[in-house]
Amino acid sequence: MAYYNDVAQRSDLVERILGTAARMFEAAADRRAQRRVYRTTLNELSALSNRELADLGLHRSELKRVAWESAHELAA
């Protein structure tokens, strides 16, 4: 007697869908963490005076770049 069970294929499909959804949620969480680091870094650097920024070797025009690099080095 031959018996065919189709459950394994469905299970595989469900696992792939759940895996894809998990990766999407993980990527969204990573982007949110990066935005939080960027925003925090930019706010803290913006609060410094021009003299304090000069002591750090920064100009006010560089703050967004420094904050972006700070946020995205977490992903590397």
C-alpha atoms as a PDB file:
ATOM      1  CA  MET A   1       0.000   0.000   0.000  1.00  0.00           C
ATOM      2  CA  ALA A   2       1.434   3.360  -1.009  1.00  0.00           C
ATOM      3  CA  TYR A   3       1.018   6.345   1.235  1.00  0.00           C
ATOM      4  CA  TYR A   4       1.898   9.912   0.388  1.00  0.00           C
ATOM      5  CA  ASN A   5       2.270  12.497   3.088  1.00  0.00           C
ATOM      6  CA  ASP A   6       2.135  16.093   1.922  1.00  0.00           C
ATOM      7  CA  VAL A   7       2.792  17.601   5.383  1.00  0.00           C
ATOM      8  CA  ALA A   8       6.580  17.820   4.949  1.00  0.00           C
ATOM      9  CA  GLN A   9       6.227  20.151   1.978  1.00  0.00           C
ATOM     10  CA  ARG A  10       3.801  22.397   3.800  1.00  0.00           C
ATOM     11  CA  SER A  11       6.039  22.428   6.827  1.00  0.00           C
ATOM     12  CA  ASP A  12       8.969  23.452   4.657  1.00  0.00           C
ATOM     13  CA  LEU A  13       6.929  26.287   3.165  1.00  0.00           C
ATOM     14  CA  VAL A  14       5.791  27.465   6.590  1.00  0.00           C
ATOM     15  CA  GLU A  15       9.373  27.376   7.864  1.00  0.00           C
ATOM     16  CA  ARG A  16      10.557  29.453   4.913  1.00  0.00           C
ATOM     17  CA  ILE A  17       7.774  31.994   5.421  1.00  0.00           C
ATOM     18  CA  LEU A  18       8.451  32.231   9.146  1.00  0.00           C
ATOM     19  CA  GLY A  19      12.190  32.519   8.500  1.00  0.00           C
ATOM     20  CA  THR A  20      11.615  35.343   6.028  1.00  0.00           C
ATOM     21  CA  ALA A  21       9.319  37.146   8.459  1.00  0.00           C
ATOM     22  CA  ALA A  22      11.879  36.742  11.261  1.00  0.00           C
ATOM     23  CA  ARG A  23      14.629  38.217   9.059  1.00  0.00           C
ATOM     24  CA  MET A  24      12.384  41.156   8.163  1.00  0.00           C
ATOM     25  CA  PHE A  25      11.631  41.881  11.818  1.00  0.00           C
ATOM     26  CA  GLU A  26      15.307  41.544  12.721  1.00  0.00           C
ATOM     27  CA  ALA A  27      16.303  43.966   9.943  1.00  0.00           C
ATOM     28  CA  ALA A  28      13.658  46.443  11.099  1.00  0.00           C
ATOM     29  CA  ALA A  29      14.928  46.193  14.674  1.00  0.00           C
ATOM     30  CA  ASP A  30      18.502  46.767  13.481  1.00  0.00           C
ATOM     31  CA  ARG A  31      17.454  49.864  11.506  1.00  0.00           C
ATOM     32  CA  ARG A  32      15.577  51.202  14.516  1.00  0.00           C
ATOM     33  CA  ALA A  33      18.621  50.698  16.743  1.00  0.00           C
ATOM     34  CA  GLN A  34      20.796  52.495  14.179  1.00  0.00           C
ATOM     35  CA  ARG A  35      18.368  55.425  14.023  1.00  0.00           C
ATOM     36  CA  ARG A  36      18.376  55.646  17.823  1.00  0.00           C
ATOM     37  CA  VAL A  37      22.198  55.723  17.936  1.00  0.00           C
ATOM     38  CA  TYR A  38      22.281  58.303  15.127  1.00  0.00           C
ATOM     39  CA  ARG A  39      19.714  60.542  16.816  1.00  0.00           C
ATOM     40  CA  THR A  40      21.356  60.285  20.248  1.00  0.00           C
ATOM     41  CA  THR A  41      24.832  60.958  18.865  1.00  0.00           C
ATOM     42  CA  LEU A  42      23.657  63.897  16.779  1.00  0.00           C
ATOM     43  CA  ASN A  43      21.755  65.431  19.711  1.00  0.00           C
ATOM     44  CA  GLU A  44      24.720  65.080  22.055  1.00  0.00           C
ATOM     45  CA  LEU A  45      27.186  66.533  19.554  1.00  0.00           C
ATOM     46  CA  SER A  46      24.806  69.363  18.668  1.00  0.00           C
ATOM     47  CA  ALA A  47      24.612  70.335  22.320  1.00  0.00           C
ATOM     48  CA  LEU A  48      28.359  71.010  22.397  1.00  0.00           C
ATOM     49  CA  SER A  49      29.701  74.496  21.852  1.00  0.00           C
ATOM     50  CA  ASN A  50      31.875  75.360  18.869  1.00  0.00           C
ATOM     51  CA  ARG A  51      34.873  75.490  21.196  1.00  0.00           C
ATOM     52  CA  GLU A  52      34.195  71.990  22.532  1.00  0.00           C
ATOM     53  CA  LEU A  53      33.750  70.690  18.999  1.00  0.00           C
ATOM     54  CA  ALA A  54      37.039  72.298  17.986  1.00  0.00           C
ATOM     55  CA  ASP A  55      38.722  70.552  20.917  1.00  0.00           C
ATOM     56  CA  LEU A  56      37.437  67.274  19.485  1.00  0.00           C
ATOM     57  CA  GLY A  57      38.706  68.240  16.037  1.00  0.00           C
ATOM     58  CA  LEU A  58      35.205  68.597  14.607  1.00  0.00           C
ATOM     59  CA  HIS A  59      33.314  71.322  12.827  1.00  0.00           C
ATOM     60  CA  ARG A  60      29.569  71.692  13.170  1.00  0.00           C
ATOM     61  CA  SER A  61      29.142  70.766   9.489  1.00  0.00           C
ATOM     62  CA  GLU A  62      30.604  67.298  10.196  1.00  0.00           C
ATOM     63  CA  LEU A  63      28.131  66.292  12.897  1.00  0.00           C
ATOM     64  CA  LYS A  64      25.693  64.397  10.673  1.00  0.00           C
ATOM     65  CA  ARG A  65      28.507  62.404   9.074  1.00  0.00           C
ATOM     66  CA  VAL A  66      30.040  61.530  12.443  1.00  0.00           C
ATOM     67  CA  ALA A  67      26.644  60.478  13.821  1.00  0.00           C
ATOM     68  CA  TRP A  68      25.938  58.383  10.706  1.00  0.00           C
ATOM     69  CA  GLU A  69      29.311  56.645  10.948  1.00  0.00           C
ATOM     70  CA  SER A  70      28.731  56.017  14.640  1.00  0.00           C
ATOM     71  CA  ALA A  71      25.333  54.429  13.975  1.00  0.00           C
ATOM     72  CA  HIS A  72      26.450  52.310  11.042  1.00  0.00           C
ATOM     73  CA  GLU A  73      29.639  50.940  12.565  1.00  0.00           C
ATOM     74  CA  LEU A  74      27.345  48.732  14.675  1.00  0.00           C
ATOM     75  CA  ALA A  75      26.265  46.901  11.525  1.00  0.00           C
ATOM     76  CA  ALA A  76      29.827  46.277  10.360  1.00  0.00           C
END
